[in-house]
Amino acid sequence: MKIFASSHEFEYSWDEVSTANWRKYCPWNDKSTHVIAVDTLDRHIDPATGILRTERLITCKQSAPQWMNRFLGGQETSHVYETSYVDIKAKKVTMCSMNMTWSDLISVRETVVYRPAPDAPDTRTEFDQHAKIVAFCGGWQKIKNGIEEYTVERFKQNAVRGREGFEAVLEMSRKVFAMERERQRLQQSA
């Protein structure tokens, strides 16, 4: 088993981050071109807690190395199942995802949490990411270690690109919302 962890602070409020999170894989994000589709499977608000729970299926282009594709029976796409919880009262977004592709050979379970930064809750948002990677290769320890190490390295690379891409989405969202507020202001004053 290997663990990956990453933290970051976005220079955007929790309201901006939690709203833009739904656009994370849109055309504004040129770092997520591997994402082919994001399908919402279920969405509801718990009447007791007010927490919005969403289930999504994320389809991606596969980018595993050739040796891994040969070993695992190369597929061109992979699927990730994501469940997210938006708690407006606590100002917390929690996203839990797991791989569906090759899940009988490797388990990748990731948790991402967005919450206001304690020292600047109105202007910055903390991002915490944790992933647990376990390969199931029986007694083939060398192959198991290779798969787990490769996956952790990919997480490191993807974490950087993911933050850069989400920053672009946040920046564009801020501009679009500002333009819309100005349009509404002008419309009301006319």
N, C-alpha and C. Protein backbone atom coordinates (compact mmCIF):
# COMPACT_ATOMS: atom_id res chain seq x y z
N MET A 1 0.85 -1.18 0.00
CA MET A 1 0.00 0.00 0.00
C MET A 1 0.89 1.24 0.00
N LYS A 2 0.48 2.23 -0.80
CA LYS A 2 1.17 3.52 -0.86
C LYS A 2 0.14 4.61 -0.59
N ILE A 3 0.63 5.70 0.00
CA ILE A 3 -0.23 6.84 0.34
C ILE A 3 0.30 8.08 -0.38
N PHE A 4 -0.61 8.87 -0.91
CA PHE A 4 -0.25 10.16 -1.48
C PHE A 4 -1.05 11.22 -0.74
N ALA A 5 -0.39 12.33 -0.38
CA ALA A 5 -1.07 13.44 0.29
C ALA A 5 -0.56 14.75 -0.28
N SER A 6 -1.47 15.70 -0.40
CA SER A 6 -1.12 17.01 -0.95
C SER A 6 -2.04 18.06 -0.32
N SER A 7 -1.49 19.25 -0.08
CA SER A 7 -2.29 20.37 0.44
C SER A 7 -1.95 21.61 -0.36
N HIS A 8 -2.91 22.52 -0.41
CA HIS A 8 -2.73 23.76 -1.17
C HIS A 8 -3.73 24.77 -0.65
N GLU A 9 -3.43 26.05 -0.81
CA GLU A 9 -4.40 27.10 -0.51
C GLU A 9 -4.72 27.86 -1.79
N PHE A 10 -5.99 27.96 -2.10
CA PHE A 10 -6.45 28.75 -3.23
C PHE A 10 -6.75 30.16 -2.75
N GLU A 11 -6.38 31.15 -3.53
CA GLU A 11 -6.62 32.56 -3.20
C GLU A 11 -8.03 32.97 -3.62
N TYR A 12 -8.98 32.12 -3.30
CA TYR A 12 -10.38 32.35 -3.62
C TYR A 12 -11.20 31.94 -2.41
N SER A 13 -12.36 32.57 -2.25
CA SER A 13 -13.22 32.24 -1.11
C SER A 13 -13.79 30.83 -1.26
N TRP A 14 -14.28 30.29 -0.15
CA TRP A 14 -14.90 28.97 -0.19
C TRP A 14 -16.13 28.99 -1.10
N ASP A 15 -16.88 30.09 -1.09
CA ASP A 15 -18.05 30.19 -1.97
C ASP A 15 -17.64 30.07 -3.44
N GLU A 16 -16.55 30.74 -3.82
CA GLU A 16 -16.07 30.67 -5.19
C GLU A 16 -15.59 29.26 -5.53
N VAL A 17 -14.83 28.66 -4.63
CA VAL A 17 -14.27 27.32 -4.88
C VAL A 17 -15.37 26.27 -4.95
N SER A 18 -16.30 26.31 -4.00
CA SER A 18 -17.36 25.29 -3.99
C SER A 18 -18.28 25.42 -5.19
N THR A 19 -18.46 26.62 -5.72
CA THR A 19 -19.26 26.82 -6.92
C THR A 19 -18.50 26.37 -8.17
N ALA A 20 -17.24 26.79 -8.28
CA ALA A 20 -16.43 26.45 -9.47
C ALA A 20 -16.08 24.97 -9.52
N ASN A 21 -16.16 24.29 -8.40
CA ASN A 21 -15.84 22.87 -8.35
C ASN A 21 -16.67 22.07 -9.36
N TRP A 22 -17.90 22.50 -9.61
CA TRP A 22 -18.77 21.79 -10.56
C TRP A 22 -18.33 22.01 -12.00
N ARG A 23 -17.47 23.00 -12.23
CA ARG A 23 -16.95 23.29 -13.57
C ARG A 23 -15.50 22.84 -13.72
N LYS A 24 -15.02 22.08 -12.80
CA LYS A 24 -13.59 21.71 -12.77
C LYS A 24 -13.12 21.10 -14.09
N TYR A 25 -13.96 20.36 -14.78
CA TYR A 25 -13.55 19.68 -16.01
C TYR A 25 -14.13 20.33 -17.26
N CYS A 26 -14.39 21.62 -17.19
CA CYS A 26 -14.97 22.33 -18.34
C CYS A 26 -13.87 22.78 -19.31
N PRO A 27 -14.23 23.34 -20.45
CA PRO A 27 -13.23 23.78 -21.43
C PRO A 27 -12.27 24.85 -20.90
N TRP A 28 -12.63 25.56 -19.83
CA TRP A 28 -11.72 26.55 -19.24
C TRP A 28 -10.48 25.88 -18.66
N ASN A 29 -10.57 24.59 -18.37
CA ASN A 29 -9.46 23.85 -17.77
C ASN A 29 -8.71 23.10 -18.86
N ASP A 30 -7.64 23.69 -19.37
CA ASP A 30 -6.87 23.03 -20.44
C ASP A 30 -5.93 21.96 -19.90
N LYS A 31 -5.93 21.74 -18.59
CA LYS A 31 -5.09 20.70 -17.98
C LYS A 31 -5.86 19.40 -17.79
N SER A 32 -7.16 19.39 -18.10
CA SER A 32 -7.97 18.19 -17.88
C SER A 32 -8.52 17.63 -19.19
N THR A 33 -7.74 17.73 -20.24
CA THR A 33 -8.22 17.24 -21.54
C THR A 33 -8.40 15.73 -21.57
N HIS A 34 -7.84 15.03 -20.58
CA HIS A 34 -8.00 13.57 -20.50
C HIS A 34 -9.42 13.19 -20.05
N VAL A 35 -10.17 14.13 -19.48
CA VAL A 35 -11.52 13.84 -19.02
C VAL A 35 -12.46 13.92 -20.23
N ILE A 36 -13.07 12.78 -20.54
CA ILE A 36 -13.95 12.68 -21.70
C ILE A 36 -15.39 13.07 -21.34
N ALA A 37 -15.85 12.63 -20.17
CA ALA A 37 -17.23 12.89 -19.77
C ALA A 37 -17.36 12.88 -18.26
N VAL A 38 -18.31 13.67 -17.78
CA VAL A 38 -18.68 13.67 -16.36
C VAL A 38 -20.20 13.54 -16.33
N ASP A 39 -20.66 12.40 -15.84
CA ASP A 39 -22.09 12.12 -15.80
C ASP A 39 -22.58 12.11 -14.36
N THR A 40 -23.61 12.91 -14.08
CA THR A 40 -24.21 12.92 -12.76
C THR A 40 -25.19 11.77 -12.68
N LEU A 41 -24.97 10.88 -11.71
CA LEU A 41 -25.81 9.70 -11.54
C LEU A 41 -26.95 9.95 -10.56
N ASP A 42 -26.67 10.75 -9.52
CA ASP A 42 -27.67 11.02 -8.50
C ASP A 42 -27.28 12.30 -7.78
N ARG A 43 -28.29 13.05 -7.36
CA ARG A 43 -28.03 14.26 -6.59
C ARG A 43 -29.24 14.53 -5.72
N HIS A 44 -29.00 14.73 -4.44
CA HIS A 44 -30.11 15.09 -3.54
C HIS A 44 -29.59 15.81 -2.31
N ILE A 45 -30.50 16.52 -1.65
CA ILE A 45 -30.18 17.24 -0.42
C ILE A 45 -30.83 16.48 0.73
N ASP A 46 -30.03 16.17 1.73
CA ASP A 46 -30.54 15.51 2.92
C ASP A 46 -31.39 16.53 3.69
N PRO A 47 -32.68 16.26 3.89
CA PRO A 47 -33.54 17.25 4.54
C PRO A 47 -33.15 17.53 6.00
N ALA A 48 -32.53 16.56 6.66
CA ALA A 48 -32.16 16.75 8.06
C ALA A 48 -30.89 17.59 8.21
N THR A 49 -29.90 17.38 7.33
CA THR A 49 -28.62 18.06 7.48
C THR A 49 -28.41 19.20 6.50
N GLY A 50 -29.15 19.19 5.39
CA GLY A 50 -28.96 20.19 4.35
C GLY A 50 -27.75 19.92 3.47
N ILE A 51 -27.15 18.75 3.62
CA ILE A 51 -25.95 18.40 2.84
C ILE A 51 -26.37 17.92 1.44
N LEU A 52 -25.74 18.52 0.43
CA LEU A 52 -25.95 18.10 -0.95
C LEU A 52 -25.02 16.93 -1.25
N ARG A 53 -25.60 15.80 -1.63
CA ARG A 53 -24.82 14.60 -1.97
C ARG A 53 -24.98 14.34 -3.46
N THR A 54 -23.84 14.19 -4.15
CA THR A 54 -23.85 13.98 -5.59
C THR A 54 -22.98 12.79 -5.94
N GLU A 55 -23.48 11.94 -6.81
CA GLU A 55 -22.70 10.81 -7.33
C GLU A 55 -22.45 11.08 -8.81
N ARG A 56 -21.17 10.93 -9.22
CA ARG A 56 -20.83 11.17 -10.62
C ARG A 56 -19.93 10.05 -11.13
N LEU A 57 -20.02 9.82 -12.43
CA LEU A 57 -19.13 8.89 -13.11
C LEU A 57 -18.24 9.74 -14.03
N ILE A 58 -16.94 9.64 -13.83
CA ILE A 58 -15.98 10.41 -14.61
C ILE A 58 -15.26 9.45 -15.55
N THR A 59 -15.33 9.73 -16.85
CA THR A 59 -14.69 8.89 -17.86
C THR A 59 -13.46 9.61 -18.38
N CYS A 60 -12.31 8.91 -18.38
CA CYS A 60 -11.03 9.52 -18.78
C CYS A 60 -10.34 8.70 -19.84
N LYS A 61 -9.50 9.38 -20.63
CA LYS A 61 -8.59 8.67 -21.53
C LYS A 61 -7.53 8.01 -20.66
N GLN A 62 -7.21 6.79 -20.97
CA GLN A 62 -6.22 6.03 -20.21
C GLN A 62 -4.81 6.46 -20.62
N SER A 63 -3.92 6.58 -19.66
CA SER A 63 -2.55 6.96 -19.98
C SER A 63 -1.54 6.10 -19.22
N ALA A 64 -1.87 4.86 -19.03
CA ALA A 64 -0.95 3.96 -18.34
C ALA A 64 0.21 3.60 -19.27
N PRO A 65 1.38 3.30 -18.69
CA PRO A 65 2.51 2.91 -19.54
C PRO A 65 2.24 1.57 -20.24
N GLN A 66 2.98 1.32 -21.34
CA GLN A 66 2.75 0.11 -22.13
C GLN A 66 2.89 -1.16 -21.31
N TRP A 67 3.91 -1.24 -20.44
CA TRP A 67 4.10 -2.47 -19.68
C TRP A 67 2.90 -2.74 -18.78
N MET A 68 2.30 -1.66 -18.24
CA MET A 68 1.15 -1.84 -17.37
C MET A 68 -0.08 -2.22 -18.20
N ASN A 69 -0.24 -1.58 -19.35
CA ASN A 69 -1.36 -1.91 -20.24
C ASN A 69 -1.31 -3.37 -20.66
N ARG A 70 -0.11 -3.85 -21.00
CA ARG A 70 0.02 -5.26 -21.40
C ARG A 70 -0.35 -6.18 -20.23
N PHE A 71 0.13 -5.83 -19.06
CA PHE A 71 -0.12 -6.65 -17.87
C PHE A 71 -1.60 -6.64 -17.48
N LEU A 72 -2.24 -5.46 -17.59
CA LEU A 72 -3.61 -5.32 -17.13
C LEU A 72 -4.65 -5.44 -18.23
N GLY A 73 -4.22 -5.65 -19.46
CA GLY A 73 -5.18 -5.80 -20.56
C GLY A 73 -5.67 -4.46 -21.05
N GLY A 74 -4.77 -3.67 -21.60
CA GLY A 74 -4.97 -2.27 -22.02
C GLY A 74 -6.35 -1.87 -22.46
N GLN A 75 -6.88 -0.85 -21.83
CA GLN A 75 -8.15 -0.24 -22.20
C GLN A 75 -7.88 1.21 -22.55
N GLU A 76 -8.68 1.76 -23.45
CA GLU A 76 -8.46 3.14 -23.86
C GLU A 76 -9.09 4.15 -22.91
N THR A 77 -10.09 3.73 -22.15
CA THR A 77 -10.73 4.63 -21.21
C THR A 77 -10.75 4.01 -19.82
N SER A 78 -10.88 4.88 -18.83
CA SER A 78 -11.04 4.41 -17.46
C SER A 78 -12.19 5.18 -16.82
N HIS A 79 -12.74 4.59 -15.78
CA HIS A 79 -13.89 5.19 -15.11
C HIS A 79 -13.59 5.37 -13.63
N VAL A 80 -14.03 6.51 -13.11
CA VAL A 80 -13.87 6.84 -11.70
C VAL A 80 -15.25 7.16 -11.16
N TYR A 81 -15.58 6.59 -10.01
CA TYR A 81 -16.85 6.86 -9.33
C TYR A 81 -16.57 7.86 -8.23
N GLU A 82 -17.31 8.97 -8.23
CA GLU A 82 -17.09 10.04 -7.26
C GLU A 82 -18.37 10.33 -6.49
N THR A 83 -18.25 10.45 -5.18
CA THR A 83 -19.36 10.90 -4.34
C THR A 83 -18.89 12.16 -3.63
N SER A 84 -19.68 13.21 -3.73
CA SER A 84 -19.30 14.46 -3.08
C SER A 84 -20.39 14.89 -2.11
N TYR A 85 -19.94 15.63 -1.09
CA TYR A 85 -20.83 16.13 -0.05
C TYR A 85 -20.54 17.62 0.12
N VAL A 86 -21.55 18.45 -0.09
CA VAL A 86 -21.39 19.88 0.11
C VAL A 86 -22.19 20.26 1.35
N ASP A 87 -21.47 20.65 2.38
CA ASP A 87 -22.08 21.05 3.65
C ASP A 87 -21.96 22.57 3.75
N ILE A 88 -23.03 23.27 3.42
CA ILE A 88 -23.00 24.73 3.40
C ILE A 88 -22.86 25.29 4.82
N LYS A 89 -23.50 24.65 5.80
CA LYS A 89 -23.42 25.14 7.18
C LYS A 89 -21.98 25.09 7.70
N ALA A 90 -21.29 23.99 7.45
CA ALA A 90 -19.90 23.84 7.91
C ALA A 90 -18.90 24.42 6.92
N LYS A 91 -19.39 24.86 5.76
CA LYS A 91 -18.53 25.34 4.67
C LYS A 91 -17.43 24.32 4.38
N LYS A 92 -17.88 23.17 3.92
CA LYS A 92 -16.96 22.07 3.64
C LYS A 92 -17.46 21.27 2.45
N VAL A 93 -16.58 21.03 1.50
CA VAL A 93 -16.87 20.14 0.38
C VAL A 93 -15.94 18.94 0.53
N THR A 94 -16.52 17.74 0.54
CA THR A 94 -15.74 16.51 0.62
C THR A 94 -16.06 15.68 -0.61
N MET A 95 -15.01 15.29 -1.32
CA MET A 95 -15.19 14.47 -2.52
C MET A 95 -14.41 13.17 -2.33
N CYS A 96 -15.11 12.04 -2.47
CA CYS A 96 -14.49 10.72 -2.34
C CYS A 96 -14.59 10.02 -3.69
N SER A 97 -13.47 9.54 -4.19
CA SER A 97 -13.51 8.86 -5.47
C SER A 97 -12.75 7.55 -5.42
N MET A 98 -13.14 6.66 -6.33
CA MET A 98 -12.46 5.37 -6.43
C MET A 98 -12.48 4.92 -7.88
N ASN A 99 -11.42 4.21 -8.25
CA ASN A 99 -11.35 3.70 -9.61
C ASN A 99 -12.33 2.55 -9.78
N MET A 100 -12.93 2.49 -10.95
CA MET A 100 -13.78 1.36 -11.31
C MET A 100 -13.05 0.47 -12.30
N THR A 101 -12.21 1.09 -13.12
CA THR A 101 -11.42 0.34 -14.10
C THR A 101 -10.27 -0.33 -13.37
N TRP A 102 -10.04 -1.58 -13.67
CA TRP A 102 -8.97 -2.40 -13.07
C TRP A 102 -9.11 -2.54 -11.55
N SER A 103 -10.32 -2.37 -11.03
CA SER A 103 -10.51 -2.40 -9.57
C SER A 103 -10.24 -3.76 -8.96
N ASP A 104 -10.21 -4.82 -9.79
CA ASP A 104 -9.86 -6.12 -9.26
C ASP A 104 -8.33 -6.30 -9.15
N LEU A 105 -7.58 -5.35 -9.75
CA LEU A 105 -6.11 -5.42 -9.71
C LEU A 105 -5.48 -4.29 -8.91
N ILE A 106 -6.18 -3.16 -8.82
CA ILE A 106 -5.65 -2.02 -8.06
C ILE A 106 -6.81 -1.22 -7.48
N SER A 107 -6.62 -0.77 -6.27
CA SER A 107 -7.62 0.07 -5.61
C SER A 107 -7.00 1.44 -5.38
N VAL A 108 -7.67 2.46 -5.90
CA VAL A 108 -7.25 3.84 -5.68
C VAL A 108 -8.43 4.57 -5.06
N ARG A 109 -8.27 4.97 -3.81
CA ARG A 109 -9.32 5.68 -3.08
C ARG A 109 -8.79 7.04 -2.69
N GLU A 110 -9.47 8.05 -3.18
CA GLU A 110 -9.00 9.43 -2.97
C GLU A 110 -10.07 10.22 -2.24
N THR A 111 -9.62 11.08 -1.33
CA THR A 111 -10.51 12.01 -0.64
C THR A 111 -9.93 13.41 -0.80
N VAL A 112 -10.79 14.33 -1.20
CA VAL A 112 -10.42 15.74 -1.34
C VAL A 112 -11.37 16.55 -0.48
N VAL A 113 -10.81 17.52 0.26
CA VAL A 113 -11.63 18.38 1.11
C VAL A 113 -11.28 19.83 0.83
N TYR A 114 -12.31 20.65 0.64
CA TYR A 114 -12.17 22.10 0.51
C TYR A 114 -12.85 22.73 1.72
N ARG A 115 -12.15 23.63 2.40
CA ARG A 115 -12.74 24.37 3.53
C ARG A 115 -12.07 25.74 3.62
N PRO A 116 -12.74 26.71 4.22
CA PRO A 116 -12.13 28.04 4.34
C PRO A 116 -10.81 27.96 5.11
N ALA A 117 -9.83 28.76 4.67
CA ALA A 117 -8.54 28.82 5.37
C ALA A 117 -8.78 29.47 6.73
N PRO A 118 -8.26 28.88 7.81
CA PRO A 118 -8.53 29.42 9.15
C PRO A 118 -8.07 30.87 9.34
N ASP A 119 -6.95 31.25 8.73
CA ASP A 119 -6.43 32.61 8.92
C ASP A 119 -7.03 33.64 7.95
N ALA A 120 -7.77 33.19 6.96
CA ALA A 120 -8.43 34.11 6.00
C ALA A 120 -9.67 33.43 5.42
N PRO A 121 -10.66 33.15 6.26
CA PRO A 121 -11.81 32.35 5.81
C PRO A 121 -12.66 33.00 4.73
N ASP A 122 -12.58 34.32 4.58
CA ASP A 122 -13.40 34.99 3.57
C ASP A 122 -12.72 35.12 2.21
N THR A 123 -11.41 34.85 2.16
CA THR A 123 -10.68 35.09 0.91
C THR A 123 -9.84 33.91 0.41
N ARG A 124 -9.62 32.90 1.26
CA ARG A 124 -8.79 31.77 0.83
C ARG A 124 -9.44 30.45 1.24
N THR A 125 -9.11 29.41 0.47
CA THR A 125 -9.68 28.08 0.72
C THR A 125 -8.58 27.04 0.79
N GLU A 126 -8.64 26.22 1.82
CA GLU A 126 -7.71 25.09 1.97
C GLU A 126 -8.17 23.93 1.10
N PHE A 127 -7.20 23.25 0.53
CA PHE A 127 -7.45 22.05 -0.29
C PHE A 127 -6.57 20.95 0.28
N ASP A 128 -7.17 19.86 0.70
CA ASP A 128 -6.42 18.69 1.19
C ASP A 128 -6.81 17.48 0.36
N GLN A 129 -5.80 16.75 -0.10
CA GLN A 129 -6.00 15.59 -0.96
C GLN A 129 -5.22 14.41 -0.37
N HIS A 130 -5.89 13.28 -0.25
CA HIS A 130 -5.26 12.06 0.24
C HIS A 130 -5.71 10.90 -0.64
N ALA A 131 -4.78 10.04 -0.99
CA ALA A 131 -5.11 8.86 -1.78
C ALA A 131 -4.41 7.64 -1.21
N LYS A 132 -5.12 6.54 -1.18
CA LYS A 132 -4.57 5.25 -0.74
C LYS A 132 -4.58 4.33 -1.95
N ILE A 133 -3.40 3.80 -2.28
CA ILE A 133 -3.24 2.97 -3.47
C ILE A 133 -2.79 1.58 -3.05
N VAL A 134 -3.55 0.57 -3.48
CA VAL A 134 -3.22 -0.82 -3.16
C VAL A 134 -3.33 -1.65 -4.42
N ALA A 135 -2.24 -2.31 -4.80
CA ALA A 135 -2.25 -3.22 -5.95
C ALA A 135 -2.48 -4.64 -5.44
N PHE A 136 -3.27 -5.41 -6.19
CA PHE A 136 -3.56 -6.80 -5.82
C PHE A 136 -2.90 -7.72 -6.84
N CYS A 137 -1.68 -8.13 -6.57
CA CYS A 137 -0.94 -8.96 -7.53
C CYS A 137 -0.44 -10.25 -6.90
N GLY A 138 -1.15 -10.74 -5.92
CA GLY A 138 -0.73 -11.99 -5.29
C GLY A 138 0.69 -11.93 -4.77
N GLY A 139 1.49 -12.90 -5.14
CA GLY A 139 2.86 -12.97 -4.66
C GLY A 139 3.86 -12.21 -5.50
N TRP A 140 3.44 -11.45 -6.47
CA TRP A 140 4.35 -10.73 -7.36
C TRP A 140 4.67 -9.36 -6.77
N GLN A 141 5.47 -9.36 -5.73
CA GLN A 141 5.76 -8.14 -4.98
C GLN A 141 6.41 -7.06 -5.86
N LYS A 142 7.29 -7.46 -6.75
CA LYS A 142 7.98 -6.48 -7.60
C LYS A 142 6.98 -5.77 -8.52
N ILE A 143 6.05 -6.51 -9.10
CA ILE A 143 5.03 -5.92 -9.97
C ILE A 143 4.10 -5.04 -9.14
N LYS A 144 3.70 -5.56 -7.98
CA LYS A 144 2.82 -4.80 -7.09
C LYS A 144 3.46 -3.46 -6.71
N ASN A 145 4.72 -3.50 -6.30
CA ASN A 145 5.42 -2.27 -5.93
C ASN A 145 5.54 -1.32 -7.13
N GLY A 146 5.81 -1.87 -8.31
CA GLY A 146 5.93 -1.06 -9.51
C GLY A 146 4.63 -0.34 -9.84
N ILE A 147 3.52 -1.05 -9.75
CA ILE A 147 2.21 -0.45 -10.03
C ILE A 147 1.89 0.63 -9.00
N GLU A 148 2.11 0.34 -7.73
CA GLU A 148 1.82 1.31 -6.68
C GLU A 148 2.71 2.55 -6.80
N GLU A 149 4.00 2.35 -7.05
CA GLU A 149 4.92 3.48 -7.19
C GLU A 149 4.57 4.33 -8.41
N TYR A 150 4.25 3.68 -9.52
CA TYR A 150 3.86 4.40 -10.72
C TYR A 150 2.60 5.24 -10.44
N THR A 151 1.63 4.66 -9.74
CA THR A 151 0.38 5.35 -9.47
C THR A 151 0.60 6.55 -8.55
N VAL A 152 1.44 6.41 -7.54
CA VAL A 152 1.75 7.54 -6.66
C VAL A 152 2.45 8.65 -7.45
N GLU A 153 3.38 8.27 -8.31
CA GLU A 153 4.07 9.28 -9.13
C GLU A 153 3.09 10.01 -10.04
N ARG A 154 2.13 9.28 -10.61
CA ARG A 154 1.10 9.91 -11.44
C ARG A 154 0.25 10.88 -10.61
N PHE A 155 -0.07 10.50 -9.38
CA PHE A 155 -0.82 11.39 -8.50
C PHE A 155 -0.06 12.69 -8.28
N LYS A 156 1.24 12.59 -8.05
CA LYS A 156 2.06 13.79 -7.85
C LYS A 156 1.99 14.70 -9.07
N GLN A 157 2.17 14.12 -10.25
CA GLN A 157 2.13 14.90 -11.49
C GLN A 157 0.74 15.49 -11.73
N ASN A 158 -0.28 14.67 -11.54
CA ASN A 158 -1.65 15.11 -11.78
C ASN A 158 -2.11 16.15 -10.76
N ALA A 159 -1.59 16.07 -9.54
CA ALA A 159 -1.96 17.05 -8.51
C ALA A 159 -1.52 18.45 -8.93
N VAL A 160 -0.33 18.56 -9.46
CA VAL A 160 0.17 19.87 -9.92
C VAL A 160 -0.68 20.37 -11.09
N ARG A 161 -0.89 19.52 -12.08
CA ARG A 161 -1.70 19.92 -13.24
C ARG A 161 -3.15 20.21 -12.83
N GLY A 162 -3.68 19.41 -11.91
CA GLY A 162 -5.04 19.62 -11.44
C GLY A 162 -5.22 20.97 -10.76
N ARG A 163 -4.26 21.36 -9.92
CA ARG A 163 -4.33 22.67 -9.26
C ARG A 163 -4.23 23.80 -10.29
N GLU A 164 -3.31 23.66 -11.24
CA GLU A 164 -3.16 24.68 -12.28
C GLU A 164 -4.45 24.82 -13.09
N GLY A 165 -5.04 23.71 -13.46
CA GLY A 165 -6.28 23.74 -14.23
C GLY A 165 -7.43 24.34 -13.44
N PHE A 166 -7.53 23.98 -12.17
CA PHE A 166 -8.61 24.51 -11.34
C PHE A 166 -8.42 26.00 -11.10
N GLU A 167 -7.17 26.45 -10.97
CA GLU A 167 -6.89 27.89 -10.85
C GLU A 167 -7.45 28.65 -12.06
N ALA A 168 -7.27 28.08 -13.27
CA ALA A 168 -7.80 28.71 -14.48
C ALA A 168 -9.33 28.77 -14.44
N VAL A 169 -9.96 27.71 -13.96
CA VAL A 169 -11.42 27.68 -13.83
C VAL A 169 -11.87 28.72 -12.82
N LEU A 170 -11.17 28.82 -11.70
CA LEU A 170 -11.53 29.80 -10.67
C LEU A 170 -11.39 31.23 -11.20
N GLU A 171 -10.30 31.49 -11.91
CA GLU A 171 -10.08 32.83 -12.46
C GLU A 171 -11.17 33.19 -13.47
N MET A 172 -11.49 32.27 -14.36
CA MET A 172 -12.53 32.54 -15.36
C MET A 172 -13.89 32.68 -14.70
N SER A 173 -14.19 31.87 -13.70
CA SER A 173 -15.46 31.97 -12.99
C SER A 173 -15.61 33.33 -12.34
N ARG A 174 -14.53 33.81 -11.72
CA ARG A 174 -14.57 35.12 -11.07
C ARG A 174 -14.89 36.21 -12.11
N LYS A 175 -14.25 36.14 -13.27
CA LYS A 175 -14.49 37.13 -14.33
C LYS A 175 -15.93 37.06 -14.84
N VAL A 176 -16.41 35.84 -15.09
CA VAL A 176 -17.76 35.67 -15.63
C VAL A 176 -18.81 36.17 -14.63
N PHE A 177 -18.64 35.83 -13.35
CA PHE A 177 -19.60 36.28 -12.34
C PHE A 177 -19.56 37.81 -12.20
N ALA A 178 -18.38 38.41 -12.29
CA ALA A 178 -18.26 39.87 -12.21
C ALA A 178 -18.97 40.52 -13.40
N MET A 179 -18.78 39.95 -14.58
CA MET A 179 -19.46 40.48 -15.77
C MET A 179 -20.97 40.36 -15.64
N GLU A 180 -21.45 39.25 -15.11
CA GLU A 180 -22.88 39.06 -14.94
C GLU A 180 -23.45 40.02 -13.90
N ARG A 181 -22.72 40.23 -12.81
CA ARG A 181 -23.19 41.20 -11.80
C ARG A 181 -23.27 42.60 -12.41
N GLU A 182 -22.28 42.97 -13.22
CA GLU A 182 -22.29 44.28 -13.87
C GLU A 182 -23.44 44.39 -14.86
N ARG A 183 -23.68 43.34 -15.62
CA ARG A 183 -24.79 43.33 -16.57
C ARG A 183 -26.12 43.52 -15.85
N GLN A 184 -26.30 42.83 -14.73
CA GLN A 184 -27.54 42.96 -13.96
C GLN A 184 -27.68 44.35 -13.36
N ARG A 185 -26.56 44.92 -12.91
CA ARG A 185 -26.59 46.26 -12.33
C ARG A 185 -27.02 47.28 -13.40
N LEU A 186 -26.43 47.14 -14.59
CA LEU A 186 -26.78 48.06 -15.69
C LEU A 186 -28.23 47.89 -16.13
N GLN A 187 -28.69 46.66 -16.13
CA GLN A 187 -30.07 46.38 -16.52
C GLN A 187 -31.05 46.98 -15.51
N GLN A 188 -30.72 46.90 -14.24
CA GLN A 188 -31.59 47.44 -13.19
C GLN A 188 -31.61 48.97 -13.19
N SER A 189 -30.48 49.59 -13.55
CA SER A 189 -30.41 51.04 -13.55
C SER A 189 -31.00 51.67 -14.83
N ALA A 190 -31.29 50.84 -15.82
CA ALA A 190 -31.83 51.36 -17.09
C ALA A 190 -33.31 51.60 -17.03
